Every structure is written in C-alpha cells, then in structure tokens.
C-alpha atoms as a PDB file:
ATOM      1  CA  MET A   1      -0.070-149.688 187.115  1.00  0.00           C
ATOM      2  CA  PHE A   2       0.938-148.193 190.647  1.00  0.00           C
ATOM      3  CA  ALA A   3       2.244-144.985 189.474  1.00  0.00           C
ATOM      4  CA  ILE A   4      -1.221-143.352 187.342  1.00  0.00           C
ATOM      5  CA  MET A   5      -2.914-145.034 191.105  1.00  0.00           C
ATOM      6  CA  LEU A   6      -0.684-142.995 192.834  1.00  0.00           C
ATOM      7  CA  CYS A   7      -1.460-140.391 190.875  1.00  0.00           C
ATOM      8  CA  ILE A   8      -5.530-140.492 190.824  1.00  0.00           C
ATOM      9  CA  ALA A   9      -4.875-140.711 195.321  1.00  0.00           C
ATOM     10  CA  GLY A  10      -3.419-137.567 194.777  1.00  0.00           C
ATOM     11  CA  LEU A  11      -5.953-135.760 192.629  1.00  0.00           C
ATOM     12  CA  GLY A  12      -8.117-136.712 194.910  1.00  0.00           C
ATOM     13  CA  VAL A  13      -6.536-136.123 198.534  1.00  0.00           C
ATOM     14  CA  ILE A  14      -6.347-132.766 196.847  1.00  0.00           C
ATOM     15  CA  THR A  15      -9.909-132.335 195.588  1.00  0.00           C
ATOM     16  CA  ALA A  16     -12.298-133.913 197.633  1.00  0.00           C
ATOM     17  CA  LYS A  17     -14.710-132.179 199.900  1.00  0.00           C
ATOM     18  CA  ASN A  18     -15.118-133.958 202.679  1.00  0.00           C
ATOM     19  CA  PRO A  19     -11.598-134.573 205.100  1.00  0.00           C
ATOM     20  CA  MET A  20     -12.729-137.858 205.435  1.00  0.00           C
ATOM     21  CA  TYR A  21     -12.202-138.722 202.185  1.00  0.00           C
ATOM     22  CA  CYS A  22      -9.057-136.755 201.827  1.00  0.00           C
ATOM     23  CA  VAL A  23      -7.318-139.268 204.227  1.00  0.00           C
ATOM     24  CA  LEU A  24      -8.968-142.330 202.805  1.00  0.00           C
ATOM     25  CA  PHE A  25      -6.977-141.131 199.113  1.00  0.00           C
ATOM     26  CA  LEU A  26      -3.571-140.322 200.897  1.00  0.00           C
ATOM     27  CA  ILE A  27      -3.775-144.021 202.107  1.00  0.00           C
ATOM     28  CA  PHE A  28      -4.055-145.021 199.144  1.00  0.00           C
ATOM     29  CA  ALA A  29      -1.630-142.907 197.914  1.00  0.00           C
ATOM     30  CA  PHE A  30       0.670-144.426 200.382  1.00  0.00           C
ATOM     31  CA  PHE A  31       0.085-147.646 199.567  1.00  0.00           C
ATOM     32  CA  ASN A  32       0.943-147.230 196.014  1.00  0.00           C
ATOM     33  CA  THR A  33       3.956-145.447 196.840  1.00  0.00           C
ATOM     34  CA  ALA A  34       4.832-148.468 199.194  1.00  0.00           C
ATOM     35  CA  GLY A  35       4.575-150.498 196.556  1.00  0.00           C
ATOM     36  CA  LEU A  36       6.721-147.960 193.349  1.00  0.00           C
ATOM     37  CA  PHE A  37       9.320-148.652 196.650  1.00  0.00           C
ATOM     38  CA  ILE A  38       8.983-152.440 196.185  1.00  0.00           C
ATOM     39  CA  LEU A  39       9.884-152.876 192.783  1.00  0.00           C
ATOM     40  CA  MET A  40      12.673-150.466 192.744  1.00  0.00           C
ATOM     41  CA  GLY A  41      13.770-152.816 195.370  1.00  0.00           C
ATOM     42  CA  ALA A  42      14.434-150.537 198.124  1.00  0.00           C
ATOM     43  CA  GLU A  43      11.602-153.554 200.054  1.00  0.00           C
ATOM     44  CA  PHE A  44      12.717-151.851 203.408  1.00  0.00           C
ATOM     45  CA  LEU A  45      11.201-148.324 201.987  1.00  0.00           C
ATOM     46  CA  GLY A  46       8.681-149.922 200.803  1.00  0.00           C
ATOM     47  CA  LEU A  47       7.292-151.224 203.940  1.00  0.00           C
ATOM     48  CA  LEU A  48       8.337-148.707 206.236  1.00  0.00           C
ATOM     49  CA  LEU A  49       5.839-146.021 204.764  1.00  0.00           C
ATOM     50  CA  ILE A  50       3.275-148.504 204.714  1.00  0.00           C
ATOM     51  CA  MET A  51       4.449-149.496 209.059  1.00  0.00           C
ATOM     52  CA  VAL A  52       4.915-145.549 209.587  1.00  0.00           C
ATOM     53  CA  TYR A  53       2.950-143.489 207.855  1.00  0.00           C
ATOM     54  CA  VAL A  54      -0.282-145.869 206.669  1.00  0.00           C
ATOM     55  CA  GLY A  55      -0.074-147.279 210.146  1.00  0.00           C
ATOM     56  CA  ALA A  56       0.374-144.557 212.404  1.00  0.00           C
ATOM     57  CA  VAL A  57       0.144-141.357 210.799  1.00  0.00           C
ATOM     58  CA  ALA A  58      -3.019-141.302 208.734  1.00  0.00           C
ATOM     59  CA  VAL A  59      -4.395-143.588 210.966  1.00  0.00           C
ATOM     60  CA  MET A  60      -3.953-139.984 213.514  1.00  0.00           C
ATOM     61  CA  PHE A  61      -5.359-137.979 211.066  1.00  0.00           C
ATOM     62  CA  LEU A  62      -8.351-139.729 211.256  1.00  0.00           C
ATOM     63  CA  PHE A  63      -8.773-140.397 214.495  1.00  0.00           C
ATOM     64  CA  VAL A  64      -8.085-136.606 214.537  1.00  0.00           C
ATOM     65  CA  ILE A  65     -10.959-135.683 211.556  1.00  0.00           C
ATOM     66  CA  MET A  66     -12.871-137.815 213.511  1.00  0.00           C
ATOM     67  CA  THR A  67     -12.801-136.047 216.836  1.00  0.00           C
ATOM     68  CA  ILE A  68     -13.090-132.860 216.198  1.00  0.00           C
ATOM     69  CA  ASN A  69     -16.542-130.903 214.290  1.00  0.00           C
ATOM     70  CA  ILE A  70     -15.280-129.574 211.299  1.00  0.00           C
ATOM     71  CA  ASN A  71     -18.261-127.153 210.032  1.00  0.00           C
ATOM     72  CA  PHE A  72     -17.513-127.482 205.826  1.00  0.00           C
ATOM     73  CA  ALA A  73     -19.559-123.525 206.027  1.00  0.00           C
ATOM     74  CA  VAL A  74     -17.234-122.173 208.163  1.00  0.00           C
ATOM     75  CA  LEU A  75     -14.154-124.052 206.077  1.00  0.00           C
ATOM     76  CA  LYS A  76     -15.362-122.360 202.264  1.00  0.00           C
ATOM     77  CA  GLU A  77     -15.459-118.906 203.993  1.00  0.00           C
ATOM     78  CA  GLY A  78     -13.445-116.962 202.381  1.00  0.00           C
ATOM     79  CA  PHE A  79     -11.544-119.589 199.779  1.00  0.00           C
ATOM     80  CA  THR A  80     -12.031-117.024 196.749  1.00  0.00           C
ATOM     81  CA  PRO A  81      -9.616-113.956 197.730  1.00  0.00           C
ATOM     82  CA  TYR A  82      -6.499-116.663 198.282  1.00  0.00           C
ATOM     83  CA  LEU A  83      -7.442-117.831 194.676  1.00  0.00           C
ATOM     84  CA  PRO A  84      -4.570-115.185 192.252  1.00  0.00           C
ATOM     85  CA  LEU A  85      -1.869-115.846 194.829  1.00  0.00           C
ATOM     86  CA  ALA A  86      -2.752-120.008 195.089  1.00  0.00           C
ATOM     87  CA  GLY A  87      -2.196-119.706 191.278  1.00  0.00           C
ATOM     88  CA  ILE A  88       0.920-117.635 191.244  1.00  0.00           C
ATOM     89  CA  VAL A  89       2.824-120.917 193.506  1.00  0.00           C
ATOM     90  CA  SER A  90       1.089-123.347 190.972  1.00  0.00           C
ATOM     91  CA  LEU A  91       2.335-121.987 188.358  1.00  0.00           C
ATOM     92  CA  VAL A  92       5.856-121.670 189.736  1.00  0.00           C
ATOM     93  CA  LEU A  93       5.571-124.586 190.510  1.00  0.00           C
ATOM     94  CA  LEU A  94       4.885-125.851 187.716  1.00  0.00           C
ATOM     95  CA  ILE A  95       7.971-124.629 186.022  1.00  0.00           C
ATOM     96  CA  GLU A  96      10.674-125.535 188.323  1.00  0.00           C
ATOM     97  CA  VAL A  97       8.914-129.543 187.650  1.00  0.00           C
ATOM     98  CA  ILE A  98       9.709-128.896 184.431  1.00  0.00           C
ATOM     99  CA  ALA A  99      12.834-127.057 184.244  1.00  0.00           C
ATOM    100  CA  ALA A 100      13.839-130.130 186.586  1.00  0.00           C
ATOM    101  CA  ALA A 101      12.639-132.163 183.525  1.00  0.00           C
ATOM    102  CA  SER A 102      14.068-130.408 180.810  1.00  0.00           C
ATOM    103  CA  SER A 103      17.516-130.484 183.251  1.00  0.00           C
ATOM    104  CA  GLY A 104      17.415-134.380 183.176  1.00  0.00           C
ATOM    105  CA  LEU A 105      17.180-134.824 187.161  1.00  0.00           C
ATOM    106  CA  PHE A 106      14.328-137.416 186.497  1.00  0.00           C
ATOM    107  CA  GLY A 107      16.080-139.636 184.544  1.00  0.00           C
ATOM    108  CA  GLY A 108      18.511-142.364 184.929  1.00  0.00           C
ATOM    109  CA  GLY A 109      18.066-143.043 188.276  1.00  0.00           C
ATOM    110  CA  MET A 110      18.967-142.158 191.641  1.00  0.00           C
ATOM    111  CA  ASN A 111      22.767-141.369 191.850  1.00  0.00           C
ATOM    112  CA  ILE A 112      23.580-141.230 195.797  1.00  0.00           C
ATOM    113  CA  GLY A 113      26.676-141.358 195.657  1.00  0.00           C
ATOM    114  CA  VAL A 114      27.892-144.831 197.139  1.00  0.00           C
ATOM    115  CA  PRO A 115      27.689-148.074 194.425  1.00  0.00           C
ATOM    116  CA  ALA A 116      25.519-150.886 195.345  1.00  0.00           C
ATOM    117  CA  GLU A 117      27.766-154.277 195.968  1.00  0.00           C
ATOM    118  CA  GLU A 118      27.026-157.729 195.789  1.00  0.00           C
ATOM    119  CA  GLY A 119      25.269-159.059 198.618  1.00  0.00           C
ATOM    120  CA  VAL A 120      24.389-155.900 200.940  1.00  0.00           C
ATOM    121  CA  SER A 121      20.941-155.433 201.996  1.00  0.00           C
ATOM    122  CA  ASN A 122      19.094-152.186 201.503  1.00  0.00           C
ATOM    123  CA  ILE A 123      19.229-151.275 205.216  1.00  0.00           C
ATOM    124  CA  VAL A 124      23.141-151.202 205.002  1.00  0.00           C
ATOM    125  CA  LEU A 125      23.040-149.635 201.940  1.00  0.00           C
ATOM    126  CA  LEU A 126      20.833-146.895 203.483  1.00  0.00           C
ATOM    127  CA  GLY A 127      21.736-146.496 206.828  1.00  0.00           C
ATOM    128  CA  THR A 128      25.518-145.901 205.349  1.00  0.00           C
ATOM    129  CA  VAL A 129      24.146-143.461 202.652  1.00  0.00           C
ATOM    130  CA  LEU A 130      22.192-141.466 205.747  1.00  0.00           C
ATOM    131  CA  PHE A 131      25.291-141.828 208.155  1.00  0.00           C
ATOM    132  CA  THR A 132      27.888-140.494 205.893  1.00  0.00           C
ATOM    133  CA  ASN A 133      26.721-139.014 202.721  1.00  0.00           C
ATOM    134  CA  TYR A 134      24.126-137.070 204.357  1.00  0.00           C
ATOM    135  CA  VAL A 135      24.563-137.481 208.208  1.00  0.00           C
ATOM    136  CA  LEU A 136      23.991-133.193 208.145  1.00  0.00           C
ATOM    137  CA  PRO A 137      20.511-132.709 206.251  1.00  0.00           C
ATOM    138  CA  PHE A 138      19.167-135.976 208.299  1.00  0.00           C
ATOM    139  CA  GLN A 139      19.924-134.872 211.587  1.00  0.00           C
ATOM    140  CA  MET A 140      19.153-131.060 210.845  1.00  0.00           C
ATOM    141  CA  ALA A 141      15.411-133.599 210.175  1.00  0.00           C
ATOM    142  CA  GLY A 142      15.579-134.397 213.292  1.00  0.00           C
ATOM    143  CA  LEU A 143      16.132-131.104 215.034  1.00  0.00           C
ATOM    144  CA  ILE A 144      13.288-129.260 212.595  1.00  0.00           C
ATOM    145  CA  LEU A 145      11.351-132.429 213.874  1.00  0.00           C
ATOM    146  CA  LEU A 146      12.202-132.071 217.320  1.00  0.00           C
ATOM    147  CA  ILE A 147      11.131-128.249 217.122  1.00  0.00           C
ATOM    148  CA  ALA A 148       7.674-128.619 215.871  1.00  0.00           C
ATOM    149  CA  MET A 149       7.134-130.734 218.302  1.00  0.00           C
ATOM    150  CA  VAL A 150       8.232-128.462 221.012  1.00  0.00           C
ATOM    151  CA  GLY A 151       6.295-125.613 219.344  1.00  0.00           C
ATOM    152  CA  ALA A 152       2.911-127.717 218.719  1.00  0.00           C
ATOM    153  CA  ILE A 153       3.232-128.736 222.478  1.00  0.00           C
ATOM    154  CA  ILE A 154       3.753-124.440 223.483  1.00  0.00           C
ATOM    155  CA  LEU A 155       0.790-124.057 221.011  1.00  0.00           C
ATOM    156  CA  THR A 156      -1.841-126.516 222.415  1.00  0.00           C
ATOM    157  CA  HIS A 157      -0.475-126.123 226.037  1.00  0.00           C
ATOM    158  CA  ARG A 158      -3.034-123.489 228.300  1.00  0.00           C
ATOM    159  CA  GLN A 159      -3.290-122.869 232.071  1.00  0.00           C
ATOM    160  CA  ARG A 160      -6.922-124.266 233.150  1.00  0.00           C
ATOM    161  CA  LYS A 161      -8.614-122.532 235.967  1.00  0.00           C
ATOM    162  CA  ASP A 162     -12.013-125.001 236.156  1.00  0.00           C
ATOM    163  CA  VAL A 163      -9.121-127.787 236.758  1.00  0.00           C
ATOM    164  CA  LYS A 164      -8.473-129.054 240.649  1.00  0.00           C
ATOM    165  CA  LYS A 165      -4.554-128.865 240.786  1.00  0.00           C
ATOM    166  CA  GLN A 166      -2.652-131.174 244.342  1.00  0.00           C
ATOM    167  CA  ASN A 167      -0.573-128.150 246.082  1.00  0.00           C
ATOM    168  CA  ILE A 168       2.204-130.700 246.954  1.00  0.00           C
ATOM    169  CA  PRO A 169       3.777-127.897 249.374  1.00  0.00           C
ATOM    170  CA  GLU A 170       0.374-128.010 251.408  1.00  0.00           C
ATOM    171  CA  GLN A 171      -0.285-130.969 251.415  1.00  0.00           C
ATOM    172  CA  ILE A 172       3.158-131.917 253.035  1.00  0.00           C
ATOM    173  CA  SER A 173       2.401-128.406 255.088  1.00  0.00           C
ATOM    174  CA  ARG A 174      -0.774-130.276 257.267  1.00  0.00           C
ATOM    175  CA  LYS A 175      -1.038-130.916 260.649  1.00  0.00           C
ATOM    176  CA  VAL A 176      -3.554-134.351 261.777  1.00  0.00           C
ATOM    177  CA  GLU A 177      -5.324-131.560 263.907  1.00  0.00           C
ATOM    178  CA  ASP A 178      -6.402-129.411 260.743  1.00  0.00           C
ATOM    179  CA  CYS A 179      -7.707-132.997 258.921  1.00  0.00           C
ATOM    180  CA  ILE A 180      -9.389-135.494 261.256  1.00  0.00           C
ATOM    181  CA  GLU A 181     -12.155-134.293 263.853  1.00  0.00           C
ATOM    182  CA  ILE A 182     -13.575-137.012 265.841  1.00  0.00           C
ATOM    183  CA  VAL A 183     -17.526-136.911 266.117  1.00  0.00           C
ATOM    184  CA  LYS A 184     -18.898-137.756 268.908  1.00  0.00           C
ATOM    185  CA  VAL A 185     -22.942-140.108 267.349  1.00  0.00           C
ATOM    186  CA  LYS A 186     -25.060-140.614 269.409  1.00  0.00           C
ATOM    187  CA  THR A 187     -26.638-143.437 269.305  1.00  0.00           C
ATOM    188  CA  GLY A 188     -30.004-143.515 266.571  1.00  0.00           C
ATOM    189  CA  LYS A 189     -29.115-139.908 265.321  1.00  0.00           C
ATOM    190  CA  GLY A 190     -26.874-138.779 262.369  1.00  0.00           C
ATOM    191  CA  ILE A 191     -24.244-135.833 261.463  1.00  0.00           C
ATOM    192  CA  LYS A 192     -26.231-132.642 259.826  1.00  0.00           C
END
C-alpha cells in the first residue's frame, strides 16, 4: 500500500500544474517513504525523513512558493523546444533502470557489508556503516552541500544603493562639536 501510494504521489509531483499541489504531493511521498522505512525496520531513517524533509525542507518549499509571485503563463512559455531533449533523457534513464533491474541490483535487499548483530540498534548500525565503509562519500556529500550553500549565498547577494548603511569610521571620528548644537529658544517661539 505504501509503495502504491508512493508511486501515485510521485506521479502527482511531476504532473500537477500548480506548484503548491506539487509540494503537497511531495509531502505525501515523504510520508509514504517513511512508512516503507519503518516497515523495513529502519525506524530511525523513517522518523528522520519525516522530521527533516517534511518538517523542514517541504515547509520551506511551501513558504517559498507562497511568498513569490509565480506567473503561470511565463512558466508555460518555451516548454516545447525542450521536449525532445527531455524525452531522450527520460528514455536513457528508463534504459538504465531496466538494465539495473535485470542485472539483479534491486533484488535481494541491500547488502551494506556490515552484518546485523543481535541487539544492535539501527542508529548504531547506520553510524558504523556511514563512518567506516562510506566515510569518503559521506564527507564528499557534506562538501558538495557546503559548496551549494556558499554558491546560493553568492548568487543571491547583491549590493543595493538605496539601503542606508552604517559608516563605522565616520561614526568613530565624529566630534561632539559637530554633533550637538545648542540653541537658545525664546519663550513662546519655536525653532524654524
């Protein structure tokens, strides 16, 4: 049931015309994936998927979609020239998946190289696998995420001329005589 619902949610993500519905289908897909993880005995990964992806990433997607003004007419423009390239890429991916399935890559469960001992929790087993067998890919994934974060900051950071900024050296070098003016106001008259 979880796998069928996951496939339906995945189709909904790629076929929905409204981006808000796409994100809601994505959240539904995350919940079904978490259900599959829990059924396979990986409770930590299932709950982590719900907390991180549903609780943070998908909510961030919803927030971004709700705060930007999306013009659907502009989104639909220029779609047809890329359709042949998308078809070729989809066909290549389908051939790769069929080749992987026929070679037995998806059958027989995952062999992570660490035998599951009796009484060892999923978290300990996951940490052992990540930091022994897959330490280099784990570190490389962290480095790629760091580079992506710095790149996103650099791409979105721009200097604006209309924003008031502090000039610290000018503030420090000010003299009291330049800042304060003592004015004698006559009674009953204001300052113009």
